[in-house]
Amino acid sequence: MAVGVFDLFTVGIGPSSSHTVGPMRAGAVFAGELRDAGVLDSVASLRVDLYGSLAATGRGHGTMTATLLGLEGYDPAEILPDQVEERLASIAETGVLNLAGASGEGVEVTYAVEDMILHPLTVLPRHTNGMRFAVSDAQGNVLREATFFSVGGGFIVREGEEDAAREELEESKKELPLPFRTAAELLGRCQSKGLGISDIMFINERASRSEEEIREGLLHIWSVMEACVETSLKREGVLPGGLKVRRRAPDWLERLLKEDKDRNDPKYWQEWVNLIALAVNEENASGGRVVTAPTNGAAGIIPAVLYYALNYAPGMDKATQQDRDDVVVKFLLAAGAVGVLYKEQASISGAEVGCQGEVGSASSMAAAGLAEVMGGTPGQVENAAEIAMEHNLGLTCDPIGGLVQIPCIERNAIAAAKAINAAKMALWGDGTHRVSLDEVIVTMRETGKDMSHKYKETAMGGLAVNVVEC
């Protein structure tokens, strides 16, 4: 299907959409196929191979445990944190995996994290995030095997089906009322129809959902973002993984509530934006429930900028709940439209193009969303998205210890502020500018191709090797 707003904003668990959500989805697909093919009862052994970035940083990113949950049949959008802890504790204690067990039709096999085979220096041709599953019977005969690639944002592609998937994507676009692949095409649609960017996205979404479903779905996405912040602000101590990174969000909230008692002093807007971004990404780093926006590593940017829109944009002090809901829907639709451009023309995978593809694209999407709800013309919205990405070009992905903590958490707060500034700069212009969003997206893609693999989510370069872990 054509990429839509509900593909870019999905509920999952941390700490990484490409390393956690994607592998879990792939595992669940494989388990479901075993069940549907009626071969579960014949399964005696399981083999899982992880390649490239999944193997290099999989432990810090929760890849192995997420894969186990997927093989048990759990969906990242549905599983709750308590279920995660319960199932992983059981597997660790017993060494037994309930293959496809979430459906109630599973089969127990002896398997644990330690049984996974890692190939950190082997990159499969399609993508650096490769994983291969195989099951055999008691005689050692392979019953079924499959290779998947986690291509960023929780999206997965099956080996051998890439061409078919592309063809299906192109066919599905023909069903959209106002399809677009580039920013130029998107702006052309806006001009010919006299509509805003969020309007174009809304019309396309109506091809597969009712207006009520779209609105309710987007408001649900925002409610999960808000719940993520609330949960994070109640947690204290250090983040898991061994780096002993202290949670800052609860302390920051306490200080802010003392200094900005009514939570409406405009001089504290950046502190509140920082707080939201940090809270989301601290929750993500601990494996909590977040919204990929468009990835987990960049999950705090859009919630933080949307918080700014709801609390500091002109007129919001007198807004009704209906008005606020309208802002949420409009913001996410505009941001989603820009996200489609990155998926179509480049990548949102840190393992493929570096952090410019994750934090950069999220900052660009957030800038577009903010400019849209602040009354920007399509040209100004496109300009805001361009400014934000232009100043994230070349951003590397070099997490210390392979954990989505340093520099990832602070990077979300910085990128949120960039998005707000980009929107404000664009709104002070008339929409005309020298560099187009399409040119910047292509530049990001080419920069990612030229970037050394060390700086693409391998923990083999940058801060990951120049900062002592303990």
Protein backbone atom coordinates (compact mmCIF):
# COMPACT_ATOMS: atom_id res chain seq x y z
CA MET A 1 0.00 0.00 0.00
CA ALA A 2 1.01 3.62 -0.54
CA VAL A 3 2.78 5.07 2.49
CA GLY A 4 0.34 7.00 4.65
CA VAL A 5 0.29 8.90 7.89
CA PHE A 6 -0.55 5.78 9.92
CA ASP A 7 2.51 4.02 8.49
CA LEU A 8 4.78 6.84 9.63
CA PHE A 9 3.17 7.17 13.07
CA THR A 10 2.79 3.75 14.66
CA VAL A 11 2.74 2.58 18.26
CA GLY A 12 5.60 0.34 19.29
CA ILE A 13 8.13 -0.34 22.02
CA GLY A 14 11.58 1.15 22.39
CA PRO A 15 14.36 1.66 21.92
CA SER A 16 14.54 1.46 18.11
CA SER A 17 12.03 1.20 15.29
CA SER A 18 14.52 -0.38 12.88
CA HIS A 19 16.17 -2.59 15.51
CA THR A 20 13.18 -3.36 17.75
CA VAL A 21 9.87 -2.74 16.01
CA GLY A 22 10.96 -4.02 12.58
CA PRO A 23 12.51 -7.28 13.84
CA MET A 24 9.47 -7.91 16.06
CA ARG A 25 7.16 -7.46 13.08
CA ALA A 26 9.32 -9.75 10.95
CA GLY A 27 9.34 -12.42 13.65
CA ALA A 28 5.57 -12.17 14.00
CA VAL A 29 5.08 -12.50 10.23
CA PHE A 30 7.28 -15.61 10.14
CA ALA A 31 5.51 -17.16 13.12
CA GLY A 32 2.12 -16.44 11.56
CA GLU A 33 3.17 -18.13 8.34
CA LEU A 34 4.26 -21.24 10.24
CA ARG A 35 0.88 -21.36 11.94
CA ASP A 36 -1.08 -20.77 8.74
CA ALA A 37 0.94 -23.40 6.85
CA GLY A 38 0.16 -25.98 9.53
CA VAL A 39 3.80 -26.86 10.20
CA LEU A 40 4.08 -25.72 13.82
CA ASP A 41 3.62 -29.20 15.24
CA SER A 42 6.58 -30.44 13.19
CA VAL A 43 9.00 -27.74 14.38
CA ALA A 44 11.81 -29.11 16.53
CA SER A 45 14.42 -26.36 16.24
CA LEU A 46 14.75 -22.69 15.36
CA ARG A 47 17.64 -20.70 13.90
CA VAL A 48 17.90 -16.91 13.82
CA ASP A 49 20.76 -15.06 12.07
CA LEU A 50 21.20 -11.30 12.44
CA TYR A 51 23.35 -9.34 10.00
CA GLY A 52 25.07 -5.98 9.75
CA SER A 53 23.80 -3.24 12.02
CA LEU A 54 21.24 -5.53 13.68
CA ALA A 55 24.11 -7.72 14.87
CA ALA A 56 26.55 -4.88 15.62
CA THR A 57 24.23 -2.89 17.90
CA GLY A 58 21.47 -5.41 18.52
CA ARG A 59 22.14 -5.91 22.21
CA GLY A 60 21.97 -2.22 23.02
CA HIS A 61 18.96 -1.72 20.77
CA GLY A 62 16.94 -4.62 22.16
CA THR A 63 16.92 -6.44 18.81
CA MET A 64 17.33 -9.95 20.16
CA THR A 65 14.60 -9.71 22.78
CA ALA A 66 12.23 -7.96 20.36
CA THR A 67 12.80 -10.73 17.81
CA LEU A 68 11.91 -13.34 20.42
CA LEU A 69 8.67 -11.54 21.21
CA GLY A 70 7.86 -11.34 17.50
CA LEU A 71 8.49 -15.06 17.06
CA GLU A 72 6.05 -15.66 19.87
CA GLY A 73 3.54 -13.81 17.71
CA TYR A 74 3.32 -10.46 19.51
CA ASP A 75 2.68 -7.26 17.57
CA PRO A 76 4.67 -4.16 18.62
CA ALA A 77 1.57 -1.95 18.42
CA GLU A 78 -0.47 -4.21 20.70
CA ILE A 79 1.92 -5.64 23.29
CA LEU A 80 2.00 -3.85 26.63
CA PRO A 81 5.12 -3.20 28.75
CA ASP A 82 3.97 -5.66 31.43
CA GLN A 83 3.62 -8.40 28.80
CA VAL A 84 7.09 -7.64 27.50
CA GLU A 85 8.63 -8.05 30.93
CA GLU A 86 6.63 -11.19 31.69
CA ARG A 87 7.46 -13.01 28.47
CA LEU A 88 11.14 -12.07 28.41
CA ALA A 89 11.54 -13.13 32.05
CA SER A 90 9.93 -16.48 31.26
CA ILE A 91 12.15 -17.11 28.23
CA ALA A 92 15.29 -16.14 30.18
CA GLU A 93 14.34 -18.39 33.11
CA THR A 94 13.22 -21.46 31.15
CA GLY A 95 15.14 -21.18 27.89
CA VAL A 96 11.89 -22.03 26.12
CA LEU A 97 10.25 -19.95 23.38
CA ASN A 98 6.53 -20.36 22.64
CA LEU A 99 6.66 -20.07 18.85
CA ALA A 100 3.48 -18.32 17.61
CA GLY A 101 2.15 -18.71 21.15
CA ALA A 102 0.41 -15.33 21.28
CA SER A 103 -2.29 -16.77 19.03
CA GLY A 104 -2.95 -19.62 21.43
CA GLU A 105 -1.71 -22.17 18.89
CA GLY A 106 2.00 -22.10 19.61
CA VAL A 107 4.63 -24.78 20.01
CA GLU A 108 7.42 -24.69 22.57
CA VAL A 109 11.01 -24.84 21.31
CA THR A 110 14.24 -24.57 23.23
CA TYR A 111 15.61 -21.16 22.35
CA ALA A 112 16.96 -18.02 24.04
CA VAL A 113 18.84 -14.83 23.25
CA GLU A 114 22.19 -16.62 23.48
CA ASP A 115 21.22 -18.93 20.62
CA MET A 116 21.04 -16.14 18.04
CA ILE A 117 23.88 -16.10 15.51
CA LEU A 118 25.37 -12.65 14.92
CA HIS A 119 27.14 -11.49 11.74
CA PRO A 120 28.11 -7.86 12.47
CA LEU A 121 30.56 -7.62 9.57
CA THR A 122 28.31 -9.25 6.99
CA VAL A 123 25.90 -6.95 5.18
CA LEU A 124 23.29 -8.59 2.97
CA PRO A 125 22.81 -6.95 -0.46
CA ARG A 126 19.41 -5.32 0.16
CA HIS A 127 20.04 -3.51 3.46
CA THR A 128 22.38 -3.53 6.44
CA ASN A 129 19.50 -4.52 8.77
CA GLY A 130 19.09 -8.14 7.69
CA MET A 131 17.63 -11.10 9.59
CA ARG A 132 17.08 -14.72 8.58
CA PHE A 133 14.73 -17.23 10.22
CA ALA A 134 14.65 -21.00 9.70
CA VAL A 135 12.84 -23.88 11.41
CA SER A 136 13.64 -27.57 11.09
CA ASP A 137 11.97 -30.83 12.09
CA ALA A 138 13.39 -33.53 14.39
CA GLN A 139 15.37 -35.02 11.49
CA GLY A 140 17.02 -31.68 10.69
CA ASN A 141 15.01 -31.00 7.55
CA VAL A 142 14.34 -27.31 6.99
CA LEU A 143 10.59 -26.78 7.05
CA ARG A 144 10.55 -23.09 6.24
CA GLU A 145 12.98 -20.19 6.05
CA ALA A 146 12.75 -16.50 5.26
CA THR A 147 14.96 -13.41 5.14
CA PHE A 148 13.68 -9.95 6.07
CA PHE A 149 15.15 -6.46 6.08
CA SER A 150 14.21 -3.78 8.60
CA VAL A 151 14.46 -0.66 6.48
CA GLY A 152 13.68 2.04 9.06
CA GLY A 153 10.66 3.31 10.95
CA GLY A 154 9.49 -0.24 11.65
CA PHE A 155 8.99 -0.98 7.95
CA ILE A 156 10.08 -4.46 6.80
CA VAL A 157 10.77 -5.93 3.37
CA ARG A 158 11.03 -9.63 2.56
CA GLU A 159 13.94 -10.87 0.45
CA GLY A 160 12.82 -11.81 -3.02
CA GLU A 161 9.69 -9.68 -2.83
CA GLU A 162 11.28 -6.26 -3.27
CA ASP A 163 10.17 -5.85 -6.89
CA ALA A 164 6.67 -7.10 -6.14
CA ALA A 165 6.44 -4.72 -3.18
CA ARG A 166 7.52 -1.80 -5.36
CA GLU A 167 4.97 -2.74 -8.02
CA GLU A 168 2.24 -3.03 -5.39
CA LEU A 169 3.24 0.36 -4.01
CA GLU A 170 3.05 1.98 -7.43
CA GLU A 171 -0.33 0.38 -8.14
CA SER A 172 -1.73 1.51 -4.80
CA LYS A 173 -0.66 5.08 -5.52
CA LYS A 174 -2.91 5.04 -8.57
CA GLU A 175 -5.85 4.64 -6.20
CA LEU A 176 -4.99 7.86 -4.38
CA PRO A 177 -6.99 10.92 -5.44
CA LEU A 178 -3.96 13.24 -5.24
CA PRO A 179 -0.76 11.14 -5.35
CA PHE A 180 2.66 12.79 -4.97
CA ARG A 181 6.24 11.57 -4.74
CA THR A 182 8.13 14.85 -4.63
CA ALA A 183 7.64 18.17 -2.90
CA ALA A 184 7.22 19.79 -6.31
CA GLU A 185 4.32 17.46 -7.06
CA LEU A 186 2.83 18.10 -3.63
CA LEU A 187 3.02 21.87 -4.10
CA GLY A 188 1.52 21.46 -7.55
CA ARG A 189 -1.44 19.61 -6.05
CA CYS A 190 -1.90 22.38 -3.49
CA GLN A 191 -1.81 25.07 -6.16
CA SER A 192 -4.19 23.34 -8.58
CA LYS A 193 -6.72 22.54 -5.86
CA GLY A 194 -6.30 25.65 -3.73
CA LEU A 195 -5.63 23.46 -0.69
CA GLY A 196 -3.06 23.22 2.10
CA ILE A 197 -0.58 20.38 2.51
CA SER A 198 -2.56 18.81 5.35
CA ASP A 199 -5.68 18.92 3.16
CA ILE A 200 -3.96 16.97 0.37
CA MET A 201 -2.81 14.34 2.85
CA PHE A 202 -6.29 14.13 4.37
CA ILE A 203 -7.90 13.56 0.97
CA ASN A 204 -5.44 10.75 0.21
CA GLU A 205 -6.03 9.14 3.59
CA ARG A 206 -9.76 9.10 2.83
CA ALA A 207 -9.05 6.57 0.07
CA SER A 208 -8.65 3.91 2.77
CA ARG A 209 -10.37 5.32 5.88
CA SER A 210 -13.40 7.40 6.78
CA GLU A 211 -12.97 10.98 7.98
CA GLU A 212 -13.95 9.89 11.47
CA GLU A 213 -11.41 7.05 11.47
CA ILE A 214 -8.64 9.39 10.35
CA ARG A 215 -9.41 11.93 13.01
CA GLU A 216 -9.81 9.36 15.79
CA GLY A 217 -6.65 7.57 14.70
CA LEU A 218 -4.54 10.72 14.79
CA LEU A 219 -5.93 11.80 18.13
CA HIS A 220 -5.12 8.32 19.44
CA ILE A 221 -1.54 8.72 18.22
CA TRP A 222 -1.30 12.00 20.15
CA SER A 223 -2.79 10.39 23.26
CA VAL A 224 -0.11 7.69 23.17
CA MET A 225 2.55 10.39 22.85
CA GLU A 226 1.09 12.19 25.86
CA ALA A 227 0.88 8.95 27.86
CA CYS A 228 4.51 8.24 27.03
CA VAL A 229 5.52 11.60 28.52
CA GLU A 230 3.39 11.09 31.63
CA THR A 231 4.85 7.63 32.24
CA SER A 232 8.40 8.85 31.76
CA LEU A 233 7.96 11.76 34.17
CA LYS A 234 7.10 9.29 36.94
CA ARG A 235 10.26 7.24 36.48
CA GLU A 236 13.52 8.06 38.27
CA GLY A 237 16.98 6.57 38.53
CA VAL A 238 19.23 5.51 35.66
CA LEU A 239 18.44 4.10 32.24
CA PRO A 240 19.14 0.40 31.60
CA GLY A 241 22.12 -0.79 29.59
CA GLY A 242 25.20 -0.06 31.65
CA LEU A 243 26.03 3.53 30.69
CA LYS A 244 24.37 4.72 33.92
CA VAL A 245 22.68 7.63 32.17
CA ARG A 246 20.55 9.41 34.73
CA ARG A 247 16.94 10.25 33.92
CA ARG A 248 16.62 14.03 33.91
CA ALA A 249 12.99 14.59 32.95
CA PRO A 250 11.44 14.15 36.45
CA ASP A 251 13.89 16.61 38.02
CA TRP A 252 13.40 19.08 35.19
CA LEU A 253 9.64 18.92 35.63
CA GLU A 254 9.96 19.66 39.35
CA ARG A 255 12.12 22.68 38.67
CA LEU A 256 9.88 23.95 35.86
CA LEU A 257 6.77 23.72 38.01
CA LYS A 258 8.50 25.87 40.62
CA GLU A 259 9.66 28.50 38.16
CA ASP A 260 6.71 28.46 35.75
CA LYS A 261 3.86 27.69 38.12
CA ASP A 262 1.05 28.35 35.63
CA ARG A 263 2.87 26.61 32.76
CA ASN A 264 2.19 29.52 30.44
CA ASP A 265 5.14 31.90 30.78
CA PRO A 266 6.45 32.23 27.20
CA LYS A 267 10.03 32.69 28.38
CA TYR A 268 10.05 28.99 29.38
CA TRP A 269 8.83 27.59 26.04
CA GLN A 270 12.18 26.02 25.19
CA GLU A 271 12.53 24.40 28.60
CA TRP A 272 9.12 22.74 28.16
CA VAL A 273 9.99 21.62 24.63
CA ASN A 274 13.27 20.19 25.92
CA LEU A 275 11.43 18.41 28.71
CA ILE A 276 8.92 16.73 26.38
CA ALA A 277 11.65 15.57 23.99
CA LEU A 278 13.83 14.22 26.82
CA ALA A 279 10.90 12.49 28.52
CA VAL A 280 9.85 10.66 25.35
CA ASN A 281 13.33 9.51 24.53
CA GLU A 282 14.15 8.45 28.06
CA GLU A 283 11.05 6.28 27.93
CA ASN A 284 12.11 4.96 24.54
CA ALA A 285 15.60 4.17 25.85
CA SER A 286 14.08 2.08 28.62
CA GLY A 287 12.02 0.02 26.17
CA GLY A 288 8.76 1.79 26.93
CA ARG A 289 5.73 2.36 24.71
CA VAL A 290 6.29 5.14 22.19
CA VAL A 291 5.10 6.34 18.79
CA THR A 292 7.54 5.95 15.91
CA ALA A 293 7.63 9.47 14.52
CA PRO A 294 8.89 8.45 12.02
CA THR A 295 11.39 6.33 14.01
CA ASN A 296 11.88 5.49 17.67
CA GLY A 297 15.30 7.12 17.84
CA ALA A 298 13.65 10.40 16.80
CA ALA A 299 10.37 9.82 18.65
CA GLY A 300 10.59 12.90 20.89
CA ILE A 301 10.81 15.61 18.24
CA ILE A 302 7.28 15.69 16.86
CA PRO A 303 5.60 15.40 20.32
CA ALA A 304 7.78 18.24 21.60
CA VAL A 305 7.02 20.54 18.67
CA LEU A 306 3.32 19.63 18.74
CA TYR A 307 3.34 20.51 22.46
CA TYR A 308 4.77 23.90 21.47
CA ALA A 309 2.03 24.35 18.88
CA LEU A 310 -0.70 23.57 21.41
CA ASN A 311 0.67 25.82 24.12
CA TYR A 312 2.60 28.68 22.51
CA ALA A 313 1.20 29.23 19.01
CA PRO A 314 -0.82 32.47 18.68
CA GLY A 315 -4.42 32.12 19.84
CA MET A 316 -3.97 28.80 21.63
CA ASP A 317 -4.53 30.43 25.02
CA LYS A 318 -8.19 30.86 24.04
CA ALA A 319 -8.57 27.58 22.14
CA THR A 320 -11.37 25.14 22.87
CA GLN A 321 -10.78 21.38 23.04
CA GLN A 322 -12.17 21.12 19.53
CA ASP A 323 -9.66 23.72 18.37
CA ARG A 324 -6.82 21.80 20.01
CA ASP A 325 -7.91 18.55 18.42
CA ASP A 326 -8.02 20.29 15.04
CA VAL A 327 -4.43 21.46 15.55
CA VAL A 328 -3.28 17.91 16.37
CA VAL A 329 -4.92 16.46 13.27
CA LYS A 330 -3.68 19.21 10.95
CA PHE A 331 -0.14 19.09 12.38
CA LEU A 332 0.22 15.32 12.02
CA LEU A 333 -1.22 15.29 8.50
CA ALA A 334 1.22 17.95 7.30
CA ALA A 335 4.12 16.25 9.05
CA GLY A 336 3.05 12.95 7.54
CA ALA A 337 3.01 14.43 4.03
CA VAL A 338 6.63 15.47 4.42
CA GLY A 339 7.46 12.05 5.88
CA VAL A 340 6.11 10.46 2.69
CA LEU A 341 8.64 12.49 0.69
CA TYR A 342 11.54 11.08 2.73
CA LYS A 343 10.25 7.52 2.41
CA GLU A 344 9.72 7.93 -1.34
CA GLN A 345 12.96 9.68 -2.26
CA ALA A 346 15.49 8.76 0.42
CA SER A 347 15.40 6.84 3.71
CA ILE A 348 14.46 7.21 7.38
CA SER A 349 16.87 4.47 8.44
CA GLY A 350 19.87 5.46 10.55
CA ALA A 351 21.58 2.26 9.48
CA GLU A 352 21.24 3.31 5.86
CA VAL A 353 21.85 7.08 5.83
CA GLY A 354 22.90 8.00 9.37
CA CYS A 355 20.96 10.02 11.91
CA GLN A 356 20.12 12.66 9.31
CA GLY A 357 17.54 10.14 8.12
CA GLU A 358 15.99 9.79 11.58
CA VAL A 359 16.39 13.00 13.59
CA GLY A 360 16.75 15.06 10.40
CA SER A 361 13.56 13.79 8.81
CA ALA A 362 11.64 14.11 12.10
CA SER A 363 12.82 17.70 12.53
CA SER A 364 11.79 18.45 8.95
CA MET A 365 8.37 16.86 9.47
CA ALA A 366 7.84 18.74 12.74
CA ALA A 367 8.81 22.06 11.15
CA ALA A 368 6.25 21.46 8.41
CA GLY A 369 3.55 20.56 10.91
CA LEU A 370 4.19 23.67 12.98
CA ALA A 371 4.28 26.00 9.98
CA GLU A 372 1.00 24.47 8.78
CA VAL A 373 -0.91 25.03 12.02
CA MET A 374 0.53 28.53 12.38
CA GLY A 375 -1.13 29.51 9.11
CA GLY A 376 1.69 28.95 6.66
CA THR A 377 1.09 28.73 2.94
CA PRO A 378 2.14 25.50 1.19
CA GLY A 379 5.31 27.27 0.04
CA GLN A 380 6.14 28.37 3.58
CA VAL A 381 5.47 24.87 4.95
CA GLU A 382 7.75 23.34 2.33
CA ASN A 383 10.38 25.98 3.15
CA ALA A 384 10.18 25.14 6.87
CA ALA A 385 10.74 21.46 6.13
CA GLU A 386 13.68 22.32 3.87
CA ILE A 387 15.38 24.58 6.42
CA ALA A 388 15.15 21.95 9.15
CA MET A 389 16.69 19.18 7.04
CA GLU A 390 19.31 21.42 5.46
CA HIS A 391 20.78 21.97 8.90
CA ASN A 392 20.77 18.30 9.81
CA LEU A 393 22.63 17.15 6.70
CA GLY A 394 25.55 14.84 7.47
CA LEU A 395 24.33 13.94 10.95
CA THR A 396 25.92 10.65 11.94
CA CYS A 397 24.44 7.79 13.95
CA ASP A 398 27.09 6.79 16.50
CA PRO A 399 25.33 5.65 19.70
CA ILE A 400 27.67 4.91 22.59
CA GLY A 401 27.51 1.24 23.50
CA GLY A 402 24.92 0.72 20.79
CA LEU A 403 22.34 2.20 23.17
CA VAL A 404 19.76 4.77 22.07
CA GLN A 405 20.85 7.16 24.82
CA ILE A 406 23.97 9.21 24.04
CA PRO A 407 23.75 11.34 21.93
CA CYS A 408 20.23 10.31 20.90
CA ILE A 409 18.18 11.68 23.81
CA GLU A 410 19.60 15.21 23.81
CA ARG A 411 19.69 15.21 20.02
CA ASN A 412 15.88 15.06 19.98
CA ALA A 413 15.61 18.19 22.10
CA ILE A 414 18.09 20.08 19.91
CA ALA A 415 16.28 18.98 16.73
CA ALA A 416 12.91 20.04 18.15
CA ALA A 417 14.24 23.54 18.74
CA LYS A 418 15.65 23.54 15.19
CA ALA A 419 12.22 22.61 13.85
CA ILE A 420 10.55 25.48 15.71
CA ASN A 421 13.15 27.95 14.49
CA ALA A 422 12.86 26.63 10.92
CA ALA A 423 9.09 27.14 10.99
CA LYS A 424 9.44 30.67 12.35
CA MET A 425 12.05 31.56 9.72
CA ALA A 426 9.86 30.21 6.94
CA LEU A 427 6.80 32.09 8.21
CA TRP A 428 8.74 35.36 8.08
CA GLY A 429 9.36 34.73 4.40
CA ASP A 430 6.92 34.56 1.51
CA GLY A 431 7.54 30.91 0.63
CA THR A 432 10.10 31.56 -2.10
CA HIS A 433 13.61 30.27 -1.43
CA ARG A 434 16.75 29.25 -3.29
CA VAL A 435 17.04 25.59 -2.21
CA SER A 436 14.05 23.30 -2.62
CA LEU A 437 12.99 20.53 -0.24
CA ASP A 438 13.43 18.00 -3.04
CA GLU A 439 17.04 19.09 -3.54
CA VAL A 440 17.75 18.74 0.17
CA ILE A 441 16.15 15.29 0.33
CA VAL A 442 18.23 14.06 -2.59
CA THR A 443 21.32 15.58 -0.97
CA MET A 444 20.54 13.73 2.26
CA ARG A 445 20.21 10.47 0.35
CA GLU A 446 23.50 10.98 -1.50
CA THR A 447 25.26 12.07 1.69
CA GLY A 448 24.08 8.86 3.33
CA LYS A 449 25.49 6.79 0.47
CA ASP A 450 28.86 8.51 0.81
CA MET A 451 28.94 8.26 4.61
CA SER A 452 31.28 5.64 6.07
CA HIS A 453 29.44 2.62 7.44
CA LYS A 454 31.11 3.41 10.81
CA TYR A 455 28.70 6.29 11.23
CA LYS A 456 25.53 4.42 10.34
CA GLU A 457 24.28 2.77 13.53
CA THR A 458 27.18 0.34 13.96
CA ALA A 459 28.70 1.80 17.15
CA MET A 460 32.06 1.53 15.35
CA GLY A 461 32.80 5.23 14.92
CA GLY A 462 32.34 8.73 16.35
CA LEU A 463 31.26 9.05 19.97
CA ALA A 464 30.78 5.28 20.16
CA VAL A 465 34.54 4.73 20.03
CA ASN A 466 35.87 8.00 21.43
CA VAL A 467 33.92 8.00 24.68
CA VAL A 468 34.74 5.42 27.32
CA GLU A 469 31.55 3.51 28.20
CA CYS A 470 32.22 3.17 31.92
